[in-house]
PDB file of N, CA and C in Angstrom:
ATOM      1  N   MET A   1     112.854  97.083 108.489  1.00  0.00           N
ATOM      2  CA  MET A   1     113.930  97.916 108.960  1.00  0.00           C
ATOM      3  C   MET A   1     114.594  97.259 110.154  1.00  0.00           C
ATOM      4  N   SER A   2     115.834  97.518 110.315  1.00  0.00           N
ATOM      5  CA  SER A   2     116.588  96.844 111.396  1.00  0.00           C
ATOM      6  C   SER A   2     116.140  97.368 112.762  1.00  0.00           C
ATOM      7  N   ASP A   3     116.285  96.514 113.755  1.00  0.00           N
ATOM      8  CA  ASP A   3     115.955  96.913 115.127  1.00  0.00           C
ATOM      9  C   ASP A   3     116.850  98.036 115.589  1.00  0.00           C
ATOM     10  N   HIS A   4     118.102  98.032 115.108  1.00  0.00           N
ATOM     11  CA  HIS A   4     119.075  99.045 115.532  1.00  0.00           C
ATOM     12  C   HIS A   4     118.526 100.458 115.189  1.00  0.00           C
ATOM     13  N   PHE A   5     118.048 100.628 113.983  1.00  0.00           N
ATOM     14  CA  PHE A   5     117.519 101.956 113.605  1.00  0.00           C
ATOM     15  C   PHE A   5     116.174 102.229 114.220  1.00  0.00           C
ATOM     16  N   ASN A   6     115.366 101.189 114.474  1.00  0.00           N
ATOM     17  CA  ASN A   6     114.087 101.436 115.158  1.00  0.00           C
ATOM     18  C   ASN A   6     114.332 101.996 116.548  1.00  0.00           C
ATOM     19  N   GLN A   7     115.417 101.634 117.157  1.00  0.00           N
ATOM     20  CA  GLN A   7     115.761 102.147 118.479  1.00  0.00           C
ATOM     21  C   GLN A   7     116.216 103.587 118.423  1.00  0.00           C
ATOM     22  N   LEU A   8     116.739 104.015 117.274  1.00  0.00           N
ATOM     23  CA  LEU A   8     117.314 105.346 117.159  1.00  0.00           C
ATOM     24  C   LEU A   8     116.260 106.444 117.204  1.00  0.00           C
ATOM     25  N   SER A   9     115.068 106.143 116.752  1.00  0.00           N
ATOM     26  CA  SER A   9     114.006 107.104 116.715  1.00  0.00           C
ATOM     27  C   SER A   9     114.437 108.264 115.834  1.00  0.00           C
ATOM     28  N   ASN A  10     114.405 109.480 116.368  1.00  0.00           N
ATOM     29  CA  ASN A  10     114.599 110.674 115.542  1.00  0.00           C
ATOM     30  C   ASN A  10     115.968 111.324 115.679  1.00  0.00           C
ATOM     31  N   SER A  11     116.820 110.844 116.549  1.00  0.00           N
ATOM     32  CA  SER A  11     118.075 111.539 116.729  1.00  0.00           C
ATOM     33  C   SER A  11     119.230 110.594 116.943  1.00  0.00           C
ATOM     34  N   ILE A  12     120.384 111.129 116.742  1.00  0.00           N
ATOM     35  CA  ILE A  12     121.594 110.376 117.011  1.00  0.00           C
ATOM     36  C   ILE A  12     121.908 110.604 118.506  1.00  0.00           C
ATOM     37  N   ASN A  13     121.811 109.541 119.284  1.00  0.00           N
ATOM     38  CA  ASN A  13     121.999 109.692 120.709  1.00  0.00           C
ATOM     39  C   ASN A  13     123.482 109.449 121.097  1.00  0.00           C
ATOM     40  N   GLU A  14     123.758 109.614 122.362  1.00  0.00           N
ATOM     41  CA  GLU A  14     125.138 109.487 122.863  1.00  0.00           C
ATOM     42  C   GLU A  14     125.718 108.093 122.584  1.00  0.00           C
ATOM     43  N   LYS A  15     124.905 107.072 122.717  1.00  0.00           N
ATOM     44  CA  LYS A  15     125.376 105.709 122.498  1.00  0.00           C
ATOM     45  C   LYS A  15     125.835 105.554 121.044  1.00  0.00           C
ATOM     46  N   ILE A  16     125.073 106.070 120.116  1.00  0.00           N
ATOM     47  CA  ILE A  16     125.414 106.013 118.683  1.00  0.00           C
ATOM     48  C   ILE A  16     126.676 106.819 118.420  1.00  0.00           C
ATOM     49  N   LEU A  17     126.788 107.968 119.020  1.00  0.00           N
ATOM     50  CA  LEU A  17     127.976 108.788 118.853  1.00  0.00           C
ATOM     51  C   LEU A  17     129.238 108.052 119.366  1.00  0.00           C
ATOM     52  N   GLN A  18     129.089 107.365 120.495  1.00  0.00           N
ATOM     53  CA  GLN A  18     130.200 106.603 121.022  1.00  0.00           C
ATOM     54  C   GLN A  18     130.582 105.450 120.108  1.00  0.00           C
ATOM     55  N   GLU A  19     129.549 104.823 119.520  1.00  0.00           N
ATOM     56  CA  GLU A  19     129.806 103.729 118.588  1.00  0.00           C
ATOM     57  C   GLU A  19     130.581 104.232 117.378  1.00  0.00           C
ATOM     58  N   ILE A  20     130.196 105.389 116.871  1.00  0.00           N
ATOM     59  CA  ILE A  20     130.913 105.974 115.729  1.00  0.00           C
ATOM     60  C   ILE A  20     132.328 106.354 116.138  1.00  0.00           C
ATOM     61  N   GLU A  21     132.455 106.963 117.320  1.00  0.00           N
ATOM     62  CA  GLU A  21     133.768 107.369 117.800  1.00  0.00           C
ATOM     63  C   GLU A  21     134.706 106.166 117.968  1.00  0.00           C
ATOM     64  N   SER A  22     134.180 104.998 118.254  1.00  0.00           N
ATOM     65  CA  SER A  22     135.021 103.830 118.455  1.00  0.00           C
ATOM     66  C   SER A  22     135.472 103.182 117.154  1.00  0.00           C
ATOM     67  N   LEU A  23     134.949 103.649 116.025  1.00  0.00           N
ATOM     68  CA  LEU A  23     135.370 103.102 114.731  1.00  0.00           C
ATOM     69  C   LEU A  23     136.821 103.406 114.479  1.00  0.00           C
ATOM     70  N   ASN A  24     137.472 102.506 113.818  1.00  0.00           N
ATOM     71  CA  ASN A  24     138.881 102.698 113.483  1.00  0.00           C
ATOM     72  C   ASN A  24     138.970 103.487 112.158  1.00  0.00           C
ATOM     73  N   LEU A  25     138.584 104.751 112.261  1.00  0.00           N
ATOM     74  CA  LEU A  25     138.544 105.641 111.106  1.00  0.00           C
ATOM     75  C   LEU A  25     139.155 106.992 111.495  1.00  0.00           C
ATOM     76  N   PRO A  26     139.690 107.678 110.524  1.00  0.00           N
ATOM     77  CA  PRO A  26     140.151 109.042 110.786  1.00  0.00           C
ATOM     78  C   PRO A  26     138.950 109.935 111.134  1.00  0.00           C
ATOM     79  N   LEU A  27     139.200 111.046 111.796  1.00  0.00           N
ATOM     80  CA  LEU A  27     138.177 111.943 112.290  1.00  0.00           C
ATOM     81  C   LEU A  27     137.225 112.402 111.171  1.00  0.00           C
ATOM     82  N   LEU A  28     137.749 112.756 110.002  1.00  0.00           N
ATOM     83  CA  LEU A  28     136.932 113.229 108.911  1.00  0.00           C
ATOM     84  C   LEU A  28     135.975 112.137 108.434  1.00  0.00           C
ATOM     85  N   GLN A  29     136.448 110.897 108.403  1.00  0.00           N
ATOM     86  CA  GLN A  29     135.592 109.796 107.994  1.00  0.00           C
ATOM     87  C   GLN A  29     134.495 109.522 109.021  1.00  0.00           C
ATOM     88  N   LYS A  30     134.822 109.675 110.293  1.00  0.00           N
ATOM     89  CA  LYS A  30     133.796 109.513 111.325  1.00  0.00           C
ATOM     90  C   LYS A  30     132.702 110.580 111.165  1.00  0.00           C
ATOM     91  N   HIS A  31     133.140 111.769 110.831  1.00  0.00           N
ATOM     92  CA  HIS A  31     132.143 112.839 110.617  1.00  0.00           C
ATOM     93  C   HIS A  31     131.266 112.495 109.405  1.00  0.00           C
ATOM     94  N   HIS A  32     131.871 111.942 108.366  1.00  0.00           N
ATOM     95  CA  HIS A  32     131.118 111.527 107.201  1.00  0.00           C
ATOM     96  C   HIS A  32     130.083 110.434 107.575  1.00  0.00           C
ATOM     97  N   VAL A  33     130.478 109.503 108.404  1.00  0.00           N
ATOM     98  CA  VAL A  33     129.550 108.450 108.884  1.00  0.00           C
ATOM     99  C   VAL A  33     128.378 109.104 109.626  1.00  0.00           C
ATOM    100  N   ARG A  34     128.660 110.062 110.490  1.00  0.00           N
ATOM    101  CA  ARG A  34     127.592 110.745 111.224  1.00  0.00           C
ATOM    102  C   ARG A  34     126.618 111.462 110.269  1.00  0.00           C
ATOM    103  N   LEU A  35     127.147 112.119 109.249  1.00  0.00           N
ATOM    104  CA  LEU A  35     126.306 112.802 108.271  1.00  0.00           C
ATOM    105  C   LEU A  35     125.442 111.798 107.499  1.00  0.00           C
ATOM    106  N   LEU A  36     126.046 110.705 107.072  1.00  0.00           N
ATOM    107  CA  LEU A  36     125.279 109.690 106.346  1.00  0.00           C
ATOM    108  C   LEU A  36     124.214 109.053 107.219  1.00  0.00           C
ATOM    109  N   LEU A  37     124.557 108.825 108.489  1.00  0.00           N
ATOM    110  CA  LEU A  37     123.572 108.278 109.437  1.00  0.00           C
ATOM    111  C   LEU A  37     122.416 109.240 109.614  1.00  0.00           C
ATOM    112  N   HIS A  38     122.713 110.513 109.709  1.00  0.00           N
ATOM    113  CA  HIS A  38     121.644 111.498 109.835  1.00  0.00           C
ATOM    114  C   HIS A  38     120.737 111.453 108.609  1.00  0.00           C
ATOM    115  N   CYS A  39     121.328 111.333 107.429  1.00  0.00           N
ATOM    116  CA  CYS A  39     120.536 111.244 106.198  1.00  0.00           C
ATOM    117  C   CYS A  39     119.642 110.003 106.201  1.00  0.00           C
ATOM    118  N   VAL A  40     120.182 108.875 106.597  1.00  0.00           N
ATOM    119  CA  VAL A  40     119.393 107.660 106.660  1.00  0.00           C
ATOM    120  C   VAL A  40     118.229 107.869 107.622  1.00  0.00           C
ATOM    121  N   GLN A  41     118.459 108.523 108.727  1.00  0.00           N
ATOM    122  CA  GLN A  41     117.412 108.755 109.701  1.00  0.00           C
ATOM    123  C   GLN A  41     116.317 109.681 109.151  1.00  0.00           C
ATOM    124  N   VAL A  42     116.741 110.690 108.383  1.00  0.00           N
ATOM    125  CA  VAL A  42     115.769 111.561 107.745  1.00  0.00           C
ATOM    126  C   VAL A  42     114.916 110.724 106.770  1.00  0.00           C
ATOM    127  N   PHE A  43     115.564 109.886 105.973  1.00  0.00           N
ATOM    128  CA  PHE A  43     114.814 109.059 105.026  1.00  0.00           C
ATOM    129  C   PHE A  43     113.862 108.117 105.744  1.00  0.00           C
ATOM    130  N   ARG A  44     114.291 107.611 106.892  1.00  0.00           N
ATOM    131  CA  ARG A  44     113.405 106.747 107.701  1.00  0.00           C
ATOM    132  C   ARG A  44     112.199 107.540 108.201  1.00  0.00           C
ATOM    133  N   ASP A  45     112.433 108.773 108.653  1.00  0.00           N
ATOM    134  CA  ASP A  45     111.349 109.611 109.142  1.00  0.00           C
ATOM    135  C   ASP A  45     110.358 109.892 108.013  1.00  0.00           C
ATOM    136  N   ILE A  46     110.866 110.169 106.830  1.00  0.00           N
ATOM    137  CA  ILE A  46     109.988 110.411 105.679  1.00  0.00           C
ATOM    138  C   ILE A  46     109.161 109.171 105.382  1.00  0.00           C
ATOM    139  N   ALA A  47     109.815 107.983 105.424  1.00  0.00           N
ATOM    140  CA  ALA A  47     109.126 106.724 105.153  1.00  0.00           C
ATOM    141  C   ALA A  47     108.016 106.509 106.189  1.00  0.00           C
ATOM    142  N   VAL A  48     108.272 106.797 107.438  1.00  0.00           N
ATOM    143  CA  VAL A  48     107.279 106.627 108.491  1.00  0.00           C
ATOM    144  C   VAL A  48     106.078 107.527 108.217  1.00  0.00           C
ATOM    145  N   GLN A  49     106.331 108.759 107.788  1.00  0.00           N
ATOM    146  CA  GLN A  49     105.252 109.699 107.469  1.00  0.00           C
ATOM    147  C   GLN A  49     104.417 109.203 106.296  1.00  0.00           C
ATOM    148  N   LYS A  50     104.996 108.327 105.473  1.00  0.00           N
ATOM    149  CA  LYS A  50     104.282 107.761 104.319  1.00  0.00           C
ATOM    150  C   LYS A  50     103.819 106.343 104.622  1.00  0.00           C
ATOM    151  N   ASP A  51     103.466 106.077 105.870  1.00  0.00           N
ATOM    152  CA  ASP A  51     102.990 104.760 106.291  1.00  0.00           C
ATOM    153  C   ASP A  51     104.015 103.685 105.991  1.00  0.00           C
ATOM    154  N   ASN A  52     105.251 103.967 106.314  1.00  0.00           N
ATOM    155  CA  ASN A  52     106.384 103.033 106.177  1.00  0.00           C
ATOM    156  C   ASN A  52     106.669 102.626 104.734  1.00  0.00           C
ATOM    157  N   ASN A  53     106.306 103.486 103.817  1.00  0.00           N
ATOM    158  CA  ASN A  53     106.680 103.246 102.399  1.00  0.00           C
ATOM    159  C   ASN A  53     108.160 103.609 102.253  1.00  0.00           C
ATOM    160  N   PRO A  54     109.028 102.616 101.909  1.00  0.00           N
ATOM    161  CA  PRO A  54     110.460 102.841 101.886  1.00  0.00           C
ATOM    162  C   PRO A  54     110.979 103.620 100.671  1.00  0.00           C
ATOM    163  N   VAL A  55     110.086 103.880  99.686  1.00  0.00           N
ATOM    164  CA  VAL A  55     110.523 104.610  98.506  1.00  0.00           C
ATOM    165  C   VAL A  55     110.394 106.109  98.762  1.00  0.00           C
ATOM    166  N   ILE A  56     111.543 106.762  98.751  1.00  0.00           N
ATOM    167  CA  ILE A  56     111.582 108.218  99.000  1.00  0.00           C
ATOM    168  C   ILE A  56     111.720 108.899  97.619  1.00  0.00           C
ATOM    169  N   THR A  57     110.625 109.544  97.207  1.00  0.00           N
ATOM    170  CA  THR A  57     110.634 110.211  95.891  1.00  0.00           C
ATOM    171  C   THR A  57     111.210 111.613  96.007  1.00  0.00           C
ATOM    172  N   ASP A  58     111.482 112.226  94.862  1.00  0.00           N
ATOM    173  CA  ASP A  58     111.940 113.608  94.851  1.00  0.00           C
ATOM    174  C   ASP A  58     110.870 114.504  95.495  1.00  0.00           C
ATOM    175  N   GLN A  59     109.617 114.215  95.224  1.00  0.00           N
ATOM    176  CA  GLN A  59     108.523 114.999  95.798  1.00  0.00           C
ATOM    177  C   GLN A  59     108.530 114.909  97.332  1.00  0.00           C
ATOM    178  N   ASP A  60     108.710 113.700  97.866  1.00  0.00           N
ATOM    179  CA  ASP A  60     108.797 113.520  99.325  1.00  0.00           C
ATOM    180  C   ASP A  60     109.943 114.306  99.908  1.00  0.00           C
ATOM    181  N   LEU A  61     111.073 114.209  99.238  1.00  0.00           N
ATOM    182  CA  LEU A  61     112.258 114.877  99.750  1.00  0.00           C
ATOM    183  C   LEU A  61     112.137 116.387  99.634  1.00  0.00           C
ATOM    184  N   ARG A  62     111.563 116.867  98.547  1.00  0.00           N
ATOM    185  CA  ARG A  62     111.369 118.318  98.353  1.00  0.00           C
ATOM    186  C   ARG A  62     110.449 118.854  99.443  1.00  0.00           C
ATOM    187  N   LEU A  63     109.374 118.132  99.744  1.00  0.00           N
ATOM    188  CA  LEU A  63     108.444 118.579 100.797  1.00  0.00           C
ATOM    189  C   LEU A  63     109.164 118.647 102.149  1.00  0.00           C
ATOM    190  N   TRP A  64     109.957 117.628 102.470  1.00  0.00           N
ATOM    191  CA  TRP A  64     110.695 117.618 103.730  1.00  0.00           C
ATOM    192  C   TRP A  64     111.646 118.828 103.787  1.00  0.00           C
ATOM    193  N   CYS A  65     112.355 119.081 102.712  1.00  0.00           N
ATOM    194  CA  CYS A  65     113.308 120.203 102.663  1.00  0.00           C
ATOM    195  C   CYS A  65     112.571 121.537 102.838  1.00  0.00           C
ATOM    196  N   GLU A  66     111.449 121.666 102.175  1.00  0.00           N
ATOM    197  CA  GLU A  66     110.667 122.917 102.312  1.00  0.00           C
ATOM    198  C   GLU A  66     110.197 123.123 103.730  1.00  0.00           C
ATOM    199  N   LEU A  67     109.730 122.071 104.354  1.00  0.00           N
ATOM    200  CA  LEU A  67     109.293 122.178 105.745  1.00  0.00           C
ATOM    201  C   LEU A  67     110.453 122.555 106.677  1.00  0.00           C
ATOM    202  N   GLU A  68     111.600 121.928 106.454  1.00  0.00           N
ATOM    203  CA  GLU A  68     112.780 122.251 107.285  1.00  0.00           C
ATOM    204  C   GLU A  68     113.254 123.685 107.054  1.00  0.00           C
ATOM    205  N   SER A  69     113.274 124.098 105.799  1.00  0.00           N
ATOM    206  CA  SER A  69     113.802 125.451 105.491  1.00  0.00           C
ATOM    207  C   SER A  69     112.797 126.552 105.811  1.00  0.00           C
ATOM    208  N   SER A  70     111.542 126.181 105.993  1.00  0.00           N
ATOM    209  CA  SER A  70     110.528 127.212 106.327  1.00  0.00           C
ATOM    210  C   SER A  70     110.848 127.890 107.668  1.00  0.00           C
ATOM    211  N   LYS A  71     111.618 127.207 108.495  1.00  0.00           N
ATOM    212  CA  LYS A  71     112.025 127.784 109.770  1.00  0.00           C
ATOM    213  C   LYS A  71     112.934 128.995 109.554  1.00  0.00           C
ATOM    214  N   PHE A  72     113.570 129.039 108.373  1.00  0.00           N
ATOM    215  CA  PHE A  72     114.535 130.097 108.081  1.00  0.00           C
ATOM    216  C   PHE A  72     114.005 131.063 107.023  1.00  0.00           C
ATOM    217  N   GLU A  73     112.847 130.727 106.403  1.00  0.00           N
ATOM    218  CA  GLU A  73     112.263 131.550 105.349  1.00  0.00           C
ATOM    219  C   GLU A  73     113.305 131.857 104.286  1.00  0.00           C
ATOM    220  N   ASP A  74     113.970 130.768 103.818  1.00  0.00           N
ATOM    221  CA  ASP A  74     115.083 130.928 102.868  1.00  0.00           C
ATOM    222  C   ASP A  74     114.906 129.905 101.754  1.00  0.00           C
ATOM    223  N   LYS A  75     114.375 130.327 100.581  1.00  0.00           N
ATOM    224  CA  LYS A  75     114.154 129.436  99.474  1.00  0.00           C
ATOM    225  C   LYS A  75     115.473 128.860  98.954  1.00  0.00           C
ATOM    226  N   ALA A  76     116.533 129.663  98.928  1.00  0.00           N
ATOM    227  CA  ALA A  76     117.827 129.191  98.442  1.00  0.00           C
ATOM    228  C   ALA A  76     118.338 128.038  99.324  1.00  0.00           C
ATOM    229  N   PHE A  77     118.097 128.132 100.637  1.00  0.00           N
ATOM    230  CA  PHE A  77     118.485 127.049 101.547  1.00  0.00           C
ATOM    231  C   PHE A  77     117.709 125.804 101.237  1.00  0.00           C
ATOM    232  N   SER A  78     116.421 125.922 100.984  1.00  0.00           N
ATOM    233  CA  SER A  78     115.594 124.772 100.637  1.00  0.00           C
ATOM    234  C   SER A  78     116.112 124.063  99.396  1.00  0.00           C
ATOM    235  N   ASP A  79     116.473 124.830  98.386  1.00  0.00           N
ATOM    236  CA  ASP A  79     116.994 124.269  97.142  1.00  0.00           C
ATOM    237  C   ASP A  79     118.319 123.565  97.366  1.00  0.00           C
ATOM    238  N   LEU A  80     119.194 124.186  98.124  1.00  0.00           N
ATOM    239  CA  LEU A  80     120.497 123.602  98.411  1.00  0.00           C
ATOM    240  C   LEU A  80     120.345 122.328  99.261  1.00  0.00           C
ATOM    241  N   LEU A  81     119.476 122.387 100.254  1.00  0.00           N
ATOM    242  CA  LEU A  81     119.245 121.223 101.105  1.00  0.00           C
ATOM    243  C   LEU A  81     118.691 120.066 100.277  1.00  0.00           C
ATOM    244  N   PHE A  82     117.754 120.360  99.384  1.00  0.00           N
ATOM    245  CA  PHE A  82     117.199 119.322  98.492  1.00  0.00           C
ATOM    246  C   PHE A  82     118.299 118.731  97.626  1.00  0.00           C
ATOM    247  N   GLU A  83     119.131 119.594  97.072  1.00  0.00           N
ATOM    248  CA  GLU A  83     120.231 119.097  96.227  1.00  0.00           C
ATOM    249  C   GLU A  83     121.167 118.159  96.980  1.00  0.00           C
ATOM    250  N   GLN A  84     121.562 118.566  98.187  1.00  0.00           N
ATOM    251  CA  GLN A  84     122.481 117.752  98.980  1.00  0.00           C
ATOM    252  C   GLN A  84     121.848 116.476  99.484  1.00  0.00           C
ATOM    253  N   MET A  85     120.589 116.538  99.903  1.00  0.00           N
ATOM    254  CA  MET A  85     119.891 115.328 100.357  1.00  0.00           C
ATOM    255  C   MET A  85     119.644 114.366  99.200  1.00  0.00           C
ATOM    256  N   SER A  86     119.401 114.887  98.013  1.00  0.00           N
ATOM    257  CA  SER A  86     119.237 114.036  96.828  1.00  0.00           C
ATOM    258  C   SER A  86     120.529 113.331  96.507  1.00  0.00           C
ATOM    259  N   LEU A  87     121.628 114.042  96.592  1.00  0.00           N
ATOM    260  CA  LEU A  87     122.945 113.419  96.347  1.00  0.00           C
ATOM    261  C   LEU A  87     123.201 112.308  97.367  1.00  0.00           C
ATOM    262  N   ALA A  88     122.897 112.585  98.630  1.00  0.00           N
ATOM    263  CA  ALA A  88     123.096 111.579  99.666  1.00  0.00           C
ATOM    264  C   ALA A  88     122.198 110.371  99.415  1.00  0.00           C
ATOM    265  N   ARG A  89     120.950 110.605  99.046  1.00  0.00           N
ATOM    266  CA  ARG A  89     120.024 109.517  98.763  1.00  0.00           C
ATOM    267  C   ARG A  89     120.544 108.663  97.628  1.00  0.00           C
ATOM    268  N   ASN A  90     121.023 109.292  96.551  1.00  0.00           N
ATOM    269  CA  ASN A  90     121.499 108.567  95.417  1.00  0.00           C
ATOM    270  C   ASN A  90     122.742 107.708  95.792  1.00  0.00           C
ATOM    271  N   LYS A  91     123.636 108.299  96.543  1.00  0.00           N
ATOM    272  CA  LYS A  91     124.850 107.571  96.984  1.00  0.00           C
ATOM    273  C   LYS A  91     124.456 106.389  97.873  1.00  0.00           C
ATOM    274  N   LEU A  92     123.546 106.598  98.787  1.00  0.00           N
ATOM    275  CA  LEU A  92     123.122 105.540  99.699  1.00  0.00           C
ATOM    276  C   LEU A  92     122.332 104.466  98.969  1.00  0.00           C
ATOM    277  N   GLU A  93     121.501 104.868  98.021  1.00  0.00           N
ATOM    278  CA  GLU A  93     120.731 103.874  97.224  1.00  0.00           C
ATOM    279  C   GLU A  93     121.683 103.007  96.411  1.00  0.00           C
ATOM    280  N   PHE A  94     122.667 103.619  95.751  1.00  0.00           N
ATOM    281  CA  PHE A  94     123.608 102.879  94.935  1.00  0.00           C
ATOM    282  C   PHE A  94     124.377 101.878  95.815  1.00  0.00           C
ATOM    283  N   PHE A  95     124.872 102.350  96.971  1.00  0.00           N
ATOM    284  CA  PHE A  95     125.636 101.490  97.880  1.00  0.00           C
ATOM    285  C   PHE A  95     124.727 100.366  98.425  1.00  0.00           C
ATOM    286  N   SER A  96     123.531 100.711  98.829  1.00  0.00           N
ATOM    287  CA  SER A  96     122.653  99.672  99.405  1.00  0.00           C
ATOM    288  C   SER A  96     122.324  98.615  98.368  1.00  0.00           C
ATOM    289  N   ASN A  97     122.171  99.020  97.121  1.00  0.00           N
ATOM    290  CA  ASN A  97     121.952  98.020  96.047  1.00  0.00           C
ATOM    291  C   ASN A  97     123.165  97.132  95.862  1.00  0.00           C
ATOM    292  N   GLU A  98     124.366  97.732  95.971  1.00  0.00           N
ATOM    293  CA  GLU A  98     125.621  96.943  95.849  1.00  0.00           C
ATOM    294  C   GLU A  98     125.715  95.871  96.908  1.00  0.00           C
ATOM    295  N   ILE A  99     125.262  96.159  98.101  1.00  0.00           N
ATOM    296  CA  ILE A  99     125.398  95.201  99.196  1.00  0.00           C
ATOM    297  C   ILE A  99     124.065  94.456  99.466  1.00  0.00           C
ATOM    298  N   ASN A 100     123.126  94.617  98.568  1.00  0.00           N
ATOM    299  CA  ASN A 100     121.810  93.938  98.664  1.00  0.00           C
ATOM    300  C   ASN A 100     121.101  94.200  99.985  1.00  0.00           C
ATOM    301  N   LYS A 101     121.013  95.476 100.327  1.00  0.00           N
ATOM    302  CA  LYS A 101     120.316  95.889 101.540  1.00  0.00           C
ATOM    303  C   LYS A 101     119.370  97.035 101.184  1.00  0.00           C
ATOM    304  N   ASN A 102     118.334  97.170 101.986  1.00  0.00           N
ATOM    305  CA  ASN A 102     117.450  98.328 101.825  1.00  0.00           C
ATOM    306  C   ASN A 102     118.174  99.543 102.406  1.00  0.00           C
ATOM    307  N   LEU A 103     118.060 100.662 101.738  1.00  0.00           N
ATOM    308  CA  LEU A 103     118.711 101.890 102.206  1.00  0.00           C
ATOM    309  C   LEU A 103     118.357 102.166 103.662  1.00  0.00           C
ATOM    310  N   LEU A 104     117.111 101.960 104.023  1.00  0.00           N
ATOM    311  CA  LEU A 104     116.658 102.267 105.398  1.00  0.00           C
ATOM    312  C   LEU A 104     117.205 101.306 106.431  1.00  0.00           C
ATOM    313  N   ASP A 105     117.800 100.198 105.995  1.00  0.00           N
ATOM    314  CA  ASP A 105     118.378  99.212 106.884  1.00  0.00           C
ATOM    315  C   ASP A 105     119.875  99.358 107.053  1.00  0.00           C
ATOM    316  N   LEU A 106     120.457 100.337 106.386  1.00  0.00           N
ATOM    317  CA  LEU A 106     121.926 100.509 106.522  1.00  0.00           C
ATOM    318  C   LEU A 106     122.257 100.821 107.963  1.00  0.00           C
ATOM    319  N   ASN A 107     123.339 100.215 108.442  1.00  0.00           N
ATOM    320  CA  ASN A 107     123.766 100.460 109.824  1.00  0.00           C
ATOM    321  C   ASN A 107     125.126 101.176 109.851  1.00  0.00           C
ATOM    322  N   ILE A 108     125.626 101.426 111.023  1.00  0.00           N
ATOM    323  CA  ILE A 108     126.868 102.154 111.170  1.00  0.00           C
ATOM    324  C   ILE A 108     128.024 101.429 110.456  1.00  0.00           C
ATOM    325  N   SER A 109     128.057 100.128 110.580  1.00  0.00           N
ATOM    326  CA  SER A 109     129.140  99.365 109.895  1.00  0.00           C
ATOM    327  C   SER A 109     129.052  99.555 108.380  1.00  0.00           C
ATOM    328  N   ASP A 110     127.852  99.523 107.857  1.00  0.00           N
ATOM    329  CA  ASP A 110     127.669  99.724 106.420  1.00  0.00           C
ATOM    330  C   ASP A 110     128.153 101.122 106.012  1.00  0.00           C
ATOM    331  N   LEU A 111     127.763 102.110 106.777  1.00  0.00           N
ATOM    332  CA  LEU A 111     128.143 103.489 106.457  1.00  0.00           C
ATOM    333  C   LEU A 111     129.658 103.701 106.593  1.00  0.00           C
ATOM    334  N   ALA A 112     130.272 103.035 107.553  1.00  0.00           N
ATOM    335  CA  ALA A 112     131.739 103.081 107.691  1.00  0.00           C
ATOM    336  C   ALA A 112     132.394 102.438 106.471  1.00  0.00           C
ATOM    337  N   GLN A 113     131.838 101.325 106.005  1.00  0.00           N
ATOM    338  CA  GLN A 113     132.372 100.660 104.797  1.00  0.00           C
ATOM    339  C   GLN A 113     132.268 101.582 103.588  1.00  0.00           C
ATOM    340  N   LEU A 114     131.115 102.210 103.418  1.00  0.00           N
ATOM    341  CA  LEU A 114     130.912 103.148 102.312  1.00  0.00           C
ATOM    342  C   LEU A 114     131.914 104.302 102.372  1.00  0.00           C
ATOM    343  N   THR A 115     132.098 104.832 103.542  1.00  0.00           N
ATOM    344  CA  THR A 115     133.032 105.950 103.742  1.00  0.00           C
ATOM    345  C   THR A 115     134.466 105.527 103.397  1.00  0.00           C
ATOM    346  N   LYS A 116     134.861 104.346 103.872  1.00  0.00           N
ATOM    347  CA  LYS A 116     136.210 103.825 103.561  1.00  0.00           C
ATOM    348  C   LYS A 116     136.379 103.662 102.060  1.00  0.00           C
ATOM    349  N   GLU A 117     135.377 103.046 101.411  1.00  0.00           N
ATOM    350  CA  GLU A 117     135.473 102.816  99.971  1.00  0.00           C
ATOM    351  C   GLU A 117     135.584 104.143  99.207  1.00  0.00           C
ATOM    352  N   ASN A 118     134.786 105.148  99.578  1.00  0.00           N
ATOM    353  CA  ASN A 118     134.871 106.444  98.925  1.00  0.00           C
ATOM    354  C   ASN A 118     136.214 107.076  99.102  1.00  0.00           C
ATOM    355  N   THR A 119     136.788 106.972 100.287  1.00  0.00           N
ATOM    356  CA  THR A 119     138.088 107.568 100.557  1.00  0.00           C
ATOM    357  C   THR A 119     139.160 106.851  99.734  1.00  0.00           C
ATOM    358  N   GLU A 120     139.091 105.521  99.665  1.00  0.00           N
ATOM    359  CA  GLU A 120     140.045 104.761  98.865  1.00  0.00           C
ATOM    360  C   GLU A 120     139.970 105.158  97.402  1.00  0.00           C
ATOM    361  N   LEU A 121     138.757 105.331  96.884  1.00  0.00           N
ATOM    362  CA  LEU A 121     138.599 105.747  95.483  1.00  0.00           C
ATOM    363  C   LEU A 121     139.168 107.132  95.231  1.00  0.00           C
ATOM    364  N   GLU A 122     138.960 108.034  96.179  1.00  0.00           N
ATOM    365  CA  GLU A 122     139.477 109.388  96.057  1.00  0.00           C
ATOM    366  C   GLU A 122     140.990 109.421  96.080  1.00  0.00           C
ATOM    367  N   ASN A 123     141.595 108.492  96.781  1.00  0.00           N
ATOM    368  CA  ASN A 123     143.052 108.465  96.925  1.00  0.00           C
ATOM    369  C   ASN A 123     143.750 107.764  95.796  1.00  0.00           C
ATOM    370  N   GLU A 124     142.992 107.132  94.893  1.00  0.00           N
ATOM    371  CA  GLU A 124     143.633 106.417  93.771  1.00  0.00           C
ATOM    372  C   GLU A 124     144.052 107.355  92.696  1.00  0.00           C
TER     373      GLU A 124
END
């Protein structure tokens, strides 16, 4: 994993937010980068819990979602969170394969590139 993400630990700090803010992207795309970065960090946390195993299975993700949603005692939220995190994982895995990088090593520049590409595709 990259040193950049190792420094991030568990949260998006002010320095990272400033780095995203400085990107030459529209506000909505910057928000998308923040969301994708949060997802990558969640996947990194899951990998760390699995002794740094970078493969995040549906079972791993389901367990994480259930633990997160247990705070709200809402099964529907757990299912929706799992669905959304699975979609994010699939998108990030596809993109990371395209650029020959491990999903857990994606950085802000990579996520900005993904966001730009998605926006360009949507506008075609």
